[in-house]
Amino acid sequence: MASVGGKRFSLTGSTSKNDGVLSKISRSSIVTKGKQAVCGATYIGKKLSKSTGKAAWLVATTFLVVGLPLIIVMDREQQLNELDLQQASLLGAPPAPPEVISH
């Protein structure tokens, strides 16, 4: 608090009957609405990050339980098919045409 010419001035507010500049500004409707908007945005951001984290956990665990074993089985099947083709070519048998599934 500073004293100039017998009058007290304060940037954050004072105990005298005249409020400070920052105190008046902080109580203005624009600042109040801005604070409410920031609080609302923060709340929404927290909820969004929490639900995004839950969704990421769900996707990751589902992939580990279902997707990864499926990829391993498909790779193993591909290796067996290649091995069968190599054995057939070594034995001199004509290669089997690829299977076509018709509906």
PDB file of N, CA and C in Angstrom:
ATOM      1  N   MET A   1       0.838  -1.147   0.000  1.00  0.00           N
ATOM      2  CA  MET A   1       0.000   0.000   0.000  1.00  0.00           C
ATOM      3  C   MET A   1       0.893   1.223   0.000  1.00  0.00           C
ATOM      4  N   ALA A   2       0.590   2.167  -0.838  1.00  0.00           N
ATOM      5  CA  ALA A   2       1.400   3.380  -0.929  1.00  0.00           C
ATOM      6  C   ALA A   2       0.560   4.576  -0.524  1.00  0.00           C
ATOM      7  N   SER A   3       1.229   5.549  -0.006  1.00  0.00           N
ATOM      8  CA  SER A   3       0.547   6.757   0.428  1.00  0.00           C
ATOM      9  C   SER A   3       1.035   7.906  -0.422  1.00  0.00           C
ATOM     10  N   VAL A   4       0.112   8.540  -1.149  1.00  0.00           N
ATOM     11  CA  VAL A   4       0.461   9.667  -2.005  1.00  0.00           C
ATOM     12  C   VAL A   4      -0.464  10.812  -1.638  1.00  0.00           C
ATOM     13  N   GLY A   5       0.098  11.884  -1.125  1.00  0.00           N
ATOM     14  CA  GLY A   5      -0.687  13.078  -0.793  1.00  0.00           C
ATOM     15  C   GLY A   5      -1.751  12.806   0.243  1.00  0.00           C
ATOM     16  N   GLY A   6      -1.499  11.891   1.151  1.00  0.00           N
ATOM     17  CA  GLY A   6      -2.472  11.601   2.191  1.00  0.00           C
ATOM     18  C   GLY A   6      -3.526  10.584   1.788  1.00  0.00           C
ATOM     19  N   LYS A   7      -3.551  10.183   0.503  1.00  0.00           N
ATOM     20  CA  LYS A   7      -4.517   9.180   0.036  1.00  0.00           C
ATOM     21  C   LYS A   7      -3.818   7.841  -0.098  1.00  0.00           C
ATOM     22  N   ARG A   8      -4.499   6.812   0.204  1.00  0.00           N
ATOM     23  CA  ARG A   8      -3.924   5.475   0.098  1.00  0.00           C
ATOM     24  C   ARG A   8      -4.375   4.825  -1.203  1.00  0.00           C
ATOM     25  N   PHE A   9      -3.421   4.220  -1.916  1.00  0.00           N
ATOM     26  CA  PHE A   9      -3.710   3.511  -3.152  1.00  0.00           C
ATOM     27  C   PHE A   9      -3.240   2.073  -3.001  1.00  0.00           C
ATOM     28  N   SER A  10      -4.014   1.162  -3.528  1.00  0.00           N
ATOM     29  CA  SER A  10      -3.647  -0.241  -3.433  1.00  0.00           C
ATOM     30  C   SER A  10      -3.990  -0.928  -4.740  1.00  0.00           C
ATOM     31  N   LEU A  11      -3.141  -1.833  -5.154  1.00  0.00           N
ATOM     32  CA  LEU A  11      -3.416  -2.591  -6.375  1.00  0.00           C
ATOM     33  C   LEU A  11      -4.292  -3.803  -6.103  1.00  0.00           C
ATOM     34  N   THR A  12      -4.269  -4.320  -4.904  1.00  0.00           N
ATOM     35  CA  THR A  12      -5.015  -5.539  -4.612  1.00  0.00           C
ATOM     36  C   THR A  12      -6.245  -5.293  -3.768  1.00  0.00           C
ATOM     37  N   GLY A  13      -6.511  -4.108  -3.400  1.00  0.00           N
ATOM     38  CA  GLY A  13      -7.650  -3.825  -2.542  1.00  0.00           C
ATOM     39  C   GLY A  13      -7.150  -3.218  -1.253  1.00  0.00           C
ATOM     40  N   SER A  14      -8.013  -2.559  -0.559  1.00  0.00           N
ATOM     41  CA  SER A  14      -7.581  -1.941   0.683  1.00  0.00           C
ATOM     42  C   SER A  14      -8.664  -2.080   1.722  1.00  0.00           C
ATOM     43  N   THR A  15      -8.316  -1.751   2.921  1.00  0.00           N
ATOM     44  CA  THR A  15      -9.291  -1.812   4.000  1.00  0.00           C
ATOM     45  C   THR A  15     -10.090  -0.522   4.102  1.00  0.00           C
ATOM     46  N   SER A  16      -9.703   0.478   3.348  1.00  0.00           N
ATOM     47  CA  SER A  16     -10.470   1.721   3.372  1.00  0.00           C
ATOM     48  C   SER A  16     -11.722   1.571   2.541  1.00  0.00           C
ATOM     49  N   LYS A  17     -12.559   2.609   2.548  1.00  0.00           N
ATOM     50  CA  LYS A  17     -13.824   2.487   1.823  1.00  0.00           C
ATOM     51  C   LYS A  17     -13.654   2.516   0.317  1.00  0.00           C
ATOM     52  N   ASN A  18     -12.521   2.971  -0.198  1.00  0.00           N
ATOM     53  CA  ASN A  18     -12.249   2.948  -1.637  1.00  0.00           C
ATOM     54  C   ASN A  18     -11.497   1.663  -1.972  1.00  0.00           C
ATOM     55  N   ASP A  19     -12.045   0.864  -2.899  1.00  0.00           N
ATOM     56  CA  ASP A  19     -11.395  -0.381  -3.301  1.00  0.00           C
ATOM     57  C   ASP A  19     -10.283  -0.095  -4.299  1.00  0.00           C
ATOM     58  N   GLY A  20      -9.328  -1.051  -4.394  1.00  0.00           N
ATOM     59  CA  GLY A  20      -8.221  -0.912  -5.322  1.00  0.00           C
ATOM     60  C   GLY A  20      -8.648  -1.209  -6.747  1.00  0.00           C
ATOM     61  N   VAL A  21      -7.756  -0.895  -7.665  1.00  0.00           N
ATOM     62  CA  VAL A  21      -8.042  -1.059  -9.088  1.00  0.00           C
ATOM     63  C   VAL A  21      -8.227  -2.538  -9.434  1.00  0.00           C
ATOM     64  N   LEU A  22      -7.302  -3.390  -8.970  1.00  0.00           N
ATOM     65  CA  LEU A  22      -7.420  -4.816  -9.287  1.00  0.00           C
ATOM     66  C   LEU A  22      -8.651  -5.434  -8.652  1.00  0.00           C
ATOM     67  N   SER A  23      -9.038  -4.970  -7.504  1.00  0.00           N
ATOM     68  CA  SER A  23     -10.230  -5.485  -6.853  1.00  0.00           C
ATOM     69  C   SER A  23     -11.467  -5.165  -7.678  1.00  0.00           C
ATOM     70  N   LYS A  24     -11.514  -3.960  -8.208  1.00  0.00           N
ATOM     71  CA  LYS A  24     -12.659  -3.577  -9.055  1.00  0.00           C
ATOM     72  C   LYS A  24     -12.676  -4.377 -10.354  1.00  0.00           C
ATOM     73  N   ILE A  25     -11.490  -4.556 -10.924  1.00  0.00           N
ATOM     74  CA  ILE A  25     -11.415  -5.293 -12.184  1.00  0.00           C
ATOM     75  C   ILE A  25     -11.789  -6.754 -11.969  1.00  0.00           C
ATOM     76  N   SER A  26     -11.328  -7.332 -10.870  1.00  0.00           N
ATOM     77  CA  SER A  26     -11.600  -8.749 -10.636  1.00  0.00           C
ATOM     78  C   SER A  26     -13.064  -9.031 -10.360  1.00  0.00           C
ATOM     79  N   ARG A  27     -13.818  -8.027  -9.975  1.00  0.00           N
ATOM     80  CA  ARG A  27     -15.245  -8.226  -9.744  1.00  0.00           C
ATOM     81  C   ARG A  27     -16.100  -7.848 -10.943  1.00  0.00           C
ATOM     82  N   SER A  28     -15.474  -7.458 -12.049  1.00  0.00           N
ATOM     83  CA  SER A  28     -16.256  -7.069 -13.218  1.00  0.00           C
ATOM     84  C   SER A  28     -16.905  -8.298 -13.843  1.00  0.00           C
ATOM     85  N   SER A  29     -17.960  -8.052 -14.591  1.00  0.00           N
ATOM     86  CA  SER A  29     -18.713  -9.162 -15.180  1.00  0.00           C
ATOM     87  C   SER A  29     -17.898  -9.904 -16.229  1.00  0.00           C
ATOM     88  N   ILE A  30     -17.050  -9.214 -16.945  1.00  0.00           N
ATOM     89  CA  ILE A  30     -16.240  -9.860 -17.981  1.00  0.00           C
ATOM     90  C   ILE A  30     -15.265 -10.841 -17.347  1.00  0.00           C
ATOM     91  N   VAL A  31     -14.610 -10.414 -16.266  1.00  0.00           N
ATOM     92  CA  VAL A  31     -13.658 -11.295 -15.599  1.00  0.00           C
ATOM     93  C   VAL A  31     -14.380 -12.473 -14.971  1.00  0.00           C
ATOM     94  N   THR A  32     -15.545 -12.227 -14.384  1.00  0.00           N
ATOM     95  CA  THR A  32     -16.314 -13.306 -13.768  1.00  0.00           C
ATOM     96  C   THR A  32     -16.734 -14.335 -14.816  1.00  0.00           C
ATOM     97  N   LYS A  33     -17.200 -13.862 -15.968  1.00  0.00           N
ATOM     98  CA  LYS A  33     -17.594 -14.783 -17.039  1.00  0.00           C
ATOM     99  C   LYS A  33     -16.384 -15.536 -17.582  1.00  0.00           C
ATOM    100  N   GLY A  34     -15.243 -14.859 -17.659  1.00  0.00           N
ATOM    101  CA  GLY A  34     -14.024 -15.521 -18.112  1.00  0.00           C
ATOM    102  C   GLY A  34     -13.591 -16.619 -17.159  1.00  0.00           C
ATOM    103  N   LYS A  35     -13.675 -16.342 -15.863  1.00  0.00           N
ATOM    104  CA  LYS A  35     -13.328 -17.362 -14.866  1.00  0.00           C
ATOM    105  C   LYS A  35     -14.261 -18.560 -14.978  1.00  0.00           C
ATOM    106  N   GLN A  36     -15.548 -18.300 -15.171  1.00  0.00           N
ATOM    107  CA  GLN A  36     -16.511 -19.393 -15.314  1.00  0.00           C
ATOM    108  C   GLN A  36     -16.205 -20.217 -16.566  1.00  0.00           C
ATOM    109  N   ALA A  37     -15.833 -19.542 -17.648  1.00  0.00           N
ATOM    110  CA  ALA A  37     -15.518 -20.260 -18.889  1.00  0.00           C
ATOM    111  C   ALA A  37     -14.281 -21.134 -18.710  1.00  0.00           C
ATOM    112  N   VAL A  38     -13.274 -20.599 -18.031  1.00  0.00           N
ATOM    113  CA  VAL A  38     -12.051 -21.367 -17.802  1.00  0.00           C
ATOM    114  C   VAL A  38     -12.339 -22.566 -16.903  1.00  0.00           C
ATOM    115  N   CYS A  39     -13.147 -22.368 -15.867  1.00  0.00           N
ATOM    116  CA  CYS A  39     -13.491 -23.481 -14.981  1.00  0.00           C
ATOM    117  C   CYS A  39     -14.270 -24.557 -15.738  1.00  0.00           C
ATOM    118  N   GLY A  40     -15.206 -24.132 -16.593  1.00  0.00           N
ATOM    119  CA  GLY A  40     -15.970 -25.089 -17.394  1.00  0.00           C
ATOM    120  C   GLY A  40     -15.089 -25.847 -18.367  1.00  0.00           C
ATOM    121  N   ALA A  41     -14.159 -25.133 -19.005  1.00  0.00           N
ATOM    122  CA  ALA A  41     -13.251 -25.780 -19.959  1.00  0.00           C
ATOM    123  C   ALA A  41     -12.326 -26.759 -19.239  1.00  0.00           C
ATOM    124  N   THR A  42     -11.883 -26.393 -18.058  1.00  0.00           N
ATOM    125  CA  THR A  42     -11.026 -27.285 -17.282  1.00  0.00           C
ATOM    126  C   THR A  42     -11.775 -28.552 -16.892  1.00  0.00           C
ATOM    127  N   TYR A  43     -13.018 -28.399 -16.468  1.00  0.00           N
ATOM    128  CA  TYR A  43     -13.832 -29.549 -16.084  1.00  0.00           C
ATOM    129  C   TYR A  43     -14.029 -30.485 -17.278  1.00  0.00           C
ATOM    130  N   ILE A  44     -14.370 -29.910 -18.416  1.00  0.00           N
ATOM    131  CA  ILE A  44     -14.590 -30.714 -19.620  1.00  0.00           C
ATOM    132  C   ILE A  44     -13.290 -31.389 -20.055  1.00  0.00           C
ATOM    133  N   GLY A  45     -12.175 -30.665 -19.948  1.00  0.00           N
ATOM    134  CA  GLY A  45     -10.879 -31.245 -20.312  1.00  0.00           C
ATOM    135  C   GLY A  45     -10.519 -32.431 -19.442  1.00  0.00           C
ATOM    136  N   LYS A  46     -10.778 -32.315 -18.140  1.00  0.00           N
ATOM    137  CA  LYS A  46     -10.482 -33.424 -17.236  1.00  0.00           C
ATOM    138  C   LYS A  46     -11.360 -34.630 -17.553  1.00  0.00           C
ATOM    139  N   LYS A  47     -12.656 -34.398 -17.789  1.00  0.00           N
ATOM    140  CA  LYS A  47     -13.559 -35.508 -18.114  1.00  0.00           C
ATOM    141  C   LYS A  47     -13.155 -36.168 -19.437  1.00  0.00           C
ATOM    142  N   LEU A  48     -12.785 -35.333 -20.413  1.00  0.00           N
ATOM    143  CA  LEU A  48     -12.401 -35.858 -21.719  1.00  0.00           C
ATOM    144  C   LEU A  48     -11.125 -36.685 -21.617  1.00  0.00           C
ATOM    145  N   SER A  49     -10.148 -36.195 -20.865  1.00  0.00           N
ATOM    146  CA  SER A  49      -8.903 -36.961 -20.739  1.00  0.00           C
ATOM    147  C   SER A  49      -9.132 -38.261 -19.974  1.00  0.00           C
ATOM    148  N   LYS A  50     -10.018 -38.238 -18.998  1.00  0.00           N
ATOM    149  CA  LYS A  50     -10.311 -39.460 -18.246  1.00  0.00           C
ATOM    150  C   LYS A  50     -10.999 -40.495 -19.145  1.00  0.00           C
ATOM    151  N   SER A  51     -11.981 -40.054 -19.933  1.00  0.00           N
ATOM    152  CA  SER A  51     -12.682 -41.001 -20.802  1.00  0.00           C
ATOM    153  C   SER A  51     -11.790 -41.467 -21.948  1.00  0.00           C
ATOM    154  N   THR A  52     -10.900 -40.599 -22.432  1.00  0.00           N
ATOM    155  CA  THR A  52      -9.966 -41.005 -23.476  1.00  0.00           C
ATOM    156  C   THR A  52      -9.002 -42.051 -22.940  1.00  0.00           C
ATOM    157  N   GLY A  53      -8.559 -41.877 -21.717  1.00  0.00           N
ATOM    158  CA  GLY A  53      -7.678 -42.870 -21.094  1.00  0.00           C
ATOM    159  C   GLY A  53      -8.358 -44.205 -20.932  1.00  0.00           C
ATOM    160  N   LYS A  54      -9.630 -44.176 -20.531  1.00  0.00           N
ATOM    161  CA  LYS A  54     -10.380 -45.429 -20.389  1.00  0.00           C
ATOM    162  C   LYS A  54     -10.539 -46.118 -21.737  1.00  0.00           C
ATOM    163  N   ALA A  55     -10.825 -45.333 -22.773  1.00  0.00           N
ATOM    164  CA  ALA A  55     -10.991 -45.915 -24.106  1.00  0.00           C
ATOM    165  C   ALA A  55      -9.676 -46.505 -24.612  1.00  0.00           C
ATOM    166  N   ALA A  56      -8.569 -45.811 -24.363  1.00  0.00           N
ATOM    167  CA  ALA A  56      -7.265 -46.330 -24.783  1.00  0.00           C
ATOM    168  C   ALA A  56      -6.934 -47.629 -24.053  1.00  0.00           C
ATOM    169  N   TRP A  57      -7.251 -47.698 -22.777  1.00  0.00           N
ATOM    170  CA  TRP A  57      -7.019 -48.927 -22.004  1.00  0.00           C
ATOM    171  C   TRP A  57      -7.852 -50.070 -22.572  1.00  0.00           C
ATOM    172  N   LEU A  58      -9.108 -49.806 -22.902  1.00  0.00           N
ATOM    173  CA  LEU A  58      -9.992 -50.824 -23.451  1.00  0.00           C
ATOM    174  C   LEU A  58      -9.466 -51.338 -24.788  1.00  0.00           C
ATOM    175  N   VAL A  59      -9.062 -50.430 -25.655  1.00  0.00           N
ATOM    176  CA  VAL A  59      -8.553 -50.833 -26.967  1.00  0.00           C
ATOM    177  C   VAL A  59      -7.260 -51.633 -26.825  1.00  0.00           C
ATOM    178  N   ALA A  60      -6.365 -51.182 -25.959  1.00  0.00           N
ATOM    179  CA  ALA A  60      -5.077 -51.873 -25.798  1.00  0.00           C
ATOM    180  C   ALA A  60      -5.255 -53.270 -25.228  1.00  0.00           C
ATOM    181  N   THR A  61      -6.081 -53.425 -24.212  1.00  0.00           N
ATOM    182  CA  THR A  61      -6.257 -54.751 -23.618  1.00  0.00           C
ATOM    183  C   THR A  61      -7.004 -55.683 -24.567  1.00  0.00           C
ATOM    184  N   THR A  62      -7.952 -55.158 -25.305  1.00  0.00           N
ATOM    185  CA  THR A  62      -8.672 -55.983 -26.286  1.00  0.00           C
ATOM    186  C   THR A  62      -7.716 -56.479 -27.361  1.00  0.00           C
ATOM    187  N   PHE A  63      -6.827 -55.587 -27.811  1.00  0.00           N
ATOM    188  CA  PHE A  63      -5.848 -56.007 -28.817  1.00  0.00           C
ATOM    189  C   PHE A  63      -4.935 -57.096 -28.271  1.00  0.00           C
ATOM    190  N   LEU A  64      -4.484 -56.951 -27.033  1.00  0.00           N
ATOM    191  CA  LEU A  64      -3.588 -57.956 -26.455  1.00  0.00           C
ATOM    192  C   LEU A  64      -4.273 -59.301 -26.278  1.00  0.00           C
ATOM    193  N   VAL A  65      -5.557 -59.279 -25.950  1.00  0.00           N
ATOM    194  CA  VAL A  65      -6.270 -60.530 -25.691  1.00  0.00           C
ATOM    195  C   VAL A  65      -6.749 -61.182 -26.989  1.00  0.00           C
ATOM    196  N   VAL A  66      -7.205 -60.381 -27.947  1.00  0.00           N
ATOM    197  CA  VAL A  66      -7.800 -60.944 -29.167  1.00  0.00           C
ATOM    198  C   VAL A  66      -6.879 -60.794 -30.374  1.00  0.00           C
ATOM    199  N   GLY A  67      -6.379 -59.608 -30.592  1.00  0.00           N
ATOM    200  CA  GLY A  67      -5.638 -59.322 -31.819  1.00  0.00           C
ATOM    201  C   GLY A  67      -4.291 -59.987 -31.914  1.00  0.00           C
ATOM    202  N   LEU A  68      -3.507 -59.927 -30.853  1.00  0.00           N
ATOM    203  CA  LEU A  68      -2.166 -60.492 -30.891  1.00  0.00           C
ATOM    204  C   LEU A  68      -2.166 -62.002 -31.121  1.00  0.00           C
ATOM    205  N   PRO A  69      -2.977 -62.780 -30.402  1.00  0.00           N
ATOM    206  CA  PRO A  69      -3.027 -64.218 -30.719  1.00  0.00           C
ATOM    207  C   PRO A  69      -3.488 -64.500 -32.149  1.00  0.00           C
ATOM    208  N   LEU A  70      -4.407 -63.697 -32.661  1.00  0.00           N
ATOM    209  CA  LEU A  70      -4.874 -63.875 -34.036  1.00  0.00           C
ATOM    210  C   LEU A  70      -3.736 -63.631 -35.025  1.00  0.00           C
ATOM    211  N   ILE A  71      -2.950 -62.608 -34.790  1.00  0.00           N
ATOM    212  CA  ILE A  71      -1.805 -62.326 -35.666  1.00  0.00           C
ATOM    213  C   ILE A  71      -0.796 -63.468 -35.619  1.00  0.00           C
ATOM    214  N   ILE A  72      -0.551 -64.007 -34.431  1.00  0.00           N
ATOM    215  CA  ILE A  72       0.400 -65.117 -34.294  1.00  0.00           C
ATOM    216  C   ILE A  72      -0.090 -66.351 -35.049  1.00  0.00           C
ATOM    217  N   VAL A  73      -1.371 -66.661 -34.924  1.00  0.00           N
ATOM    218  CA  VAL A  73      -1.934 -67.831 -35.613  1.00  0.00           C
ATOM    219  C   VAL A  73      -1.889 -67.637 -37.127  1.00  0.00           C
ATOM    220  N   MET A  74      -2.197 -66.446 -37.602  1.00  0.00           N
ATOM    221  CA  MET A  74      -2.156 -66.187 -39.042  1.00  0.00           C
ATOM    222  C   MET A  74      -0.728 -66.296 -39.577  1.00  0.00           C
ATOM    223  N   ASP A  75       0.247 -65.828 -38.825  1.00  0.00           N
ATOM    224  CA  ASP A  75       1.642 -65.932 -39.236  1.00  0.00           C
ATOM    225  C   ASP A  75       2.085 -67.386 -39.288  1.00  0.00           C
ATOM    226  N   ARG A  76       1.692 -68.150 -38.286  1.00  0.00           N
ATOM    227  CA  ARG A  76       2.038 -69.576 -38.256  1.00  0.00           C
ATOM    228  C   ARG A  76       1.412 -70.306 -39.447  1.00  0.00           C
ATOM    229  N   GLU A  77       0.171 -69.981 -39.778  1.00  0.00           N
ATOM    230  CA  GLU A  77      -0.504 -70.597 -40.924  1.00  0.00           C
ATOM    231  C   GLU A  77       0.208 -70.261 -42.230  1.00  0.00           C
ATOM    232  N   GLN A  78       0.655 -69.005 -42.345  1.00  0.00           N
ATOM    233  CA  GLN A  78       1.387 -68.595 -43.541  1.00  0.00           C
ATOM    234  C   GLN A  78       2.703 -69.360 -43.667  1.00  0.00           C
ATOM    235  N   GLN A  79       3.389 -69.550 -42.556  1.00  0.00           N
ATOM    236  CA  GLN A  79       4.642 -70.305 -42.587  1.00  0.00           C
ATOM    237  C   GLN A  79       4.408 -71.762 -42.984  1.00  0.00           C
ATOM    238  N   LEU A  80       3.340 -72.363 -42.482  1.00  0.00           N
ATOM    239  CA  LEU A  80       3.022 -73.744 -42.859  1.00  0.00           C
ATOM    240  C   LEU A  80       2.698 -73.855 -44.343  1.00  0.00           C
ATOM    241  N   ASN A  81       1.975 -72.890 -44.879  1.00  0.00           N
ATOM    242  CA  ASN A  81       1.655 -72.900 -46.317  1.00  0.00           C
ATOM    243  C   ASN A  81       2.933 -72.790 -47.151  1.00  0.00           C
ATOM    244  N   GLU A  82       3.856 -71.924 -46.738  1.00  0.00           N
ATOM    245  CA  GLU A  82       5.117 -71.786 -47.472  1.00  0.00           C
ATOM    246  C   GLU A  82       5.940 -73.067 -47.390  1.00  0.00           C
ATOM    247  N   LEU A  83       5.933 -73.707 -46.236  1.00  0.00           N
ATOM    248  CA  LEU A  83       6.664 -74.963 -46.070  1.00  0.00           C
ATOM    249  C   LEU A  83       6.078 -76.049 -46.966  1.00  0.00           C
ATOM    250  N   ASP A  84       4.755 -76.130 -47.048  1.00  0.00           N
ATOM    251  CA  ASP A  84       4.107 -77.111 -47.931  1.00  0.00           C
ATOM    252  C   ASP A  84       4.484 -76.870 -49.391  1.00  0.00           C
ATOM    253  N   LEU A  85       4.528 -75.596 -49.807  1.00  0.00           N
ATOM    254  CA  LEU A  85       4.902 -75.284 -51.192  1.00  0.00           C
ATOM    255  C   LEU A  85       6.357 -75.658 -51.464  1.00  0.00           C
ATOM    256  N   GLN A  86       7.244 -75.427 -50.497  1.00  0.00           N
ATOM    257  CA  GLN A  86       8.649 -75.786 -50.685  1.00  0.00           C
ATOM    258  C   GLN A  86       8.819 -77.299 -50.782  1.00  0.00           C
ATOM    259  N   GLN A  87       8.125 -78.044 -49.941  1.00  0.00           N
ATOM    260  CA  GLN A  87       8.224 -79.503 -49.975  1.00  0.00           C
ATOM    261  C   GLN A  87       7.666 -80.054 -51.280  1.00  0.00           C
ATOM    262  N   ALA A  88       6.566 -79.474 -51.737  1.00  0.00           N
ATOM    263  CA  ALA A  88       5.965 -79.940 -52.987  1.00  0.00           C
ATOM    264  C   ALA A  88       6.896 -79.664 -54.164  1.00  0.00           C
ATOM    265  N   SER A  89       7.581 -78.528 -54.139  1.00  0.00           N
ATOM    266  CA  SER A  89       8.485 -78.227 -55.260  1.00  0.00           C
ATOM    267  C   SER A  89       9.725 -79.117 -55.213  1.00  0.00           C
ATOM    268  N   LEU A  90      10.199 -79.481 -54.018  1.00  0.00           N
ATOM    269  CA  LEU A  90      11.345 -80.381 -53.908  1.00  0.00           C
ATOM    270  C   LEU A  90      11.003 -81.793 -54.358  1.00  0.00           C
ATOM    271  N   LEU A  91       9.790 -82.245 -54.125  1.00  0.00           N
ATOM    272  CA  LEU A  91       9.367 -83.590 -54.509  1.00  0.00           C
ATOM    273  C   LEU A  91       8.972 -83.675 -55.972  1.00  0.00           C
ATOM    274  N   GLY A  92       8.879 -82.552 -56.637  1.00  0.00           N
ATOM    275  CA  GLY A  92       8.577 -82.551 -58.060  1.00  0.00           C
ATOM    276  C   GLY A  92       7.092 -82.526 -58.366  1.00  0.00           C
ATOM    277  N   ALA A  93       6.262 -82.410 -57.391  1.00  0.00           N
ATOM    278  CA  ALA A  93       4.826 -82.360 -57.643  1.00  0.00           C
ATOM    279  C   ALA A  93       4.474 -80.957 -58.140  1.00  0.00           C
ATOM    280  N   PRO A  94       3.503 -80.885 -59.026  1.00  0.00           N
ATOM    281  CA  PRO A  94       3.098 -79.554 -59.506  1.00  0.00           C
ATOM    282  C   PRO A  94       2.484 -78.770 -58.344  1.00  0.00           C
ATOM    283  N   PRO A  95       2.785 -77.489 -58.267  1.00  0.00           N
ATOM    284  CA  PRO A  95       2.230 -76.686 -57.160  1.00  0.00           C
ATOM    285  C   PRO A  95       0.712 -76.610 -57.252  1.00  0.00           C
ATOM    286  N   ALA A  96       0.091 -76.682 -56.125  1.00  0.00           N
ATOM    287  CA  ALA A  96      -1.369 -76.627 -56.076  1.00  0.00           C
ATOM    288  C   ALA A  96      -1.816 -75.192 -56.332  1.00  0.00           C
ATOM    289  N   PRO A  97      -2.899 -75.055 -57.119  1.00  0.00           N
ATOM    290  CA  PRO A  97      -3.393 -73.691 -57.354  1.00  0.00           C
ATOM    291  C   PRO A  97      -3.954 -73.115 -56.054  1.00  0.00           C
ATOM    292  N   PRO A  98      -3.905 -71.831 -55.924  1.00  0.00           N
ATOM    293  CA  PRO A  98      -4.461 -71.228 -54.698  1.00  0.00           C
ATOM    294  C   PRO A  98      -5.950 -71.496 -54.591  1.00  0.00           C
ATOM    295  N   GLU A  99      -6.388 -71.705 -53.379  1.00  0.00           N
ATOM    296  CA  GLU A  99      -7.793 -72.028 -53.162  1.00  0.00           C
ATOM    297  C   GLU A  99      -8.643 -70.776 -53.357  1.00  0.00           C
ATOM    298  N   VAL A 100      -9.732 -70.967 -54.086  1.00  0.00           N
ATOM    299  CA  VAL A 100     -10.664 -69.885 -54.308  1.00  0.00           C
ATOM    300  C   VAL A 100     -11.976 -70.269 -53.657  1.00  0.00           C
ATOM    301  N   ILE A 101     -12.436 -69.424 -52.790  1.00  0.00           N
ATOM    302  CA  ILE A 101     -13.690 -69.697 -52.083  1.00  0.00           C
ATOM    303  C   ILE A 101     -14.790 -68.884 -52.774  1.00  0.00           C
ATOM    304  N   SER A 102     -15.778 -69.604 -53.298  1.00  0.00           N
ATOM    305  CA  SER A 102     -16.889 -68.906 -53.950  1.00  0.00           C
ATOM    306  C   SER A 102     -18.125 -68.971 -53.052  1.00  0.00           C
ATOM    307  N   HIS A 103     -18.878 -67.962 -53.161  1.00  0.00           N
ATOM    308  CA  HIS A 103     -20.091 -67.855 -52.308  1.00  0.00           C
ATOM    309  C   HIS A 103     -21.304 -68.280 -53.042  1.00  0.00           C
TER     310      HIS A 103
END
